Amino acid sequence: MNHAFDVTVASEKDLTKIIPMFCNYRLFYQKPISPSEAQTYLAMRMNKKESVILIASTPLTSLGFIQLYPTFCSLLTRPIYVLYDLYVEKDYRRSGVAKAMMQFAEEVARANGMAQITLTTAHTNVNAQALYHSLGYVKDLEFATFTKLLD
């Protein structure tokens, strides 16, 4: 890469670097979580191959991460990734880290036979939306998203 950092597929040895960023990501969305909860959640996703985590880092610093969840699209009749988590540490935002991670996510998706990457972001997260548009992501105007918490 032509960066002062690398983006790689994370392994379990990277969990200690990802956990603080995962906690900060959740706090960004006003969802507190303990480091032990984060460790359990992330380790389980990795061990069960329920997600692929990408990490951007230098030899000394973790800069950001992306978490991709594999699923299927019946309309495409192919597997896809859902990009649910993208986080860049505050000091490294607007420095190309998110863009590099997104581009690497596309490489990983193609290598794993995925037909597409789909994602959602907050309506207010205009910086992320600008990045996604610049990379060729198209806002879905055909389908509305609905959720229901099942507590």
Foldseek 3Di string as FASTA:
>chain_A
DPDLKDKDWDDLVCLVQCLVQVQVQCVVVPHHDDSVRSNVVVVVCRVVVQWIKMWIDHPVHTFWMWIWGWDADPVVRFIATETEDTTGPPVCPPVCPRVVNVVVVVVVCVVVGHPYYHYDDDPPPVVVVVSCVVVPHDDDPPDDDDDDDDD
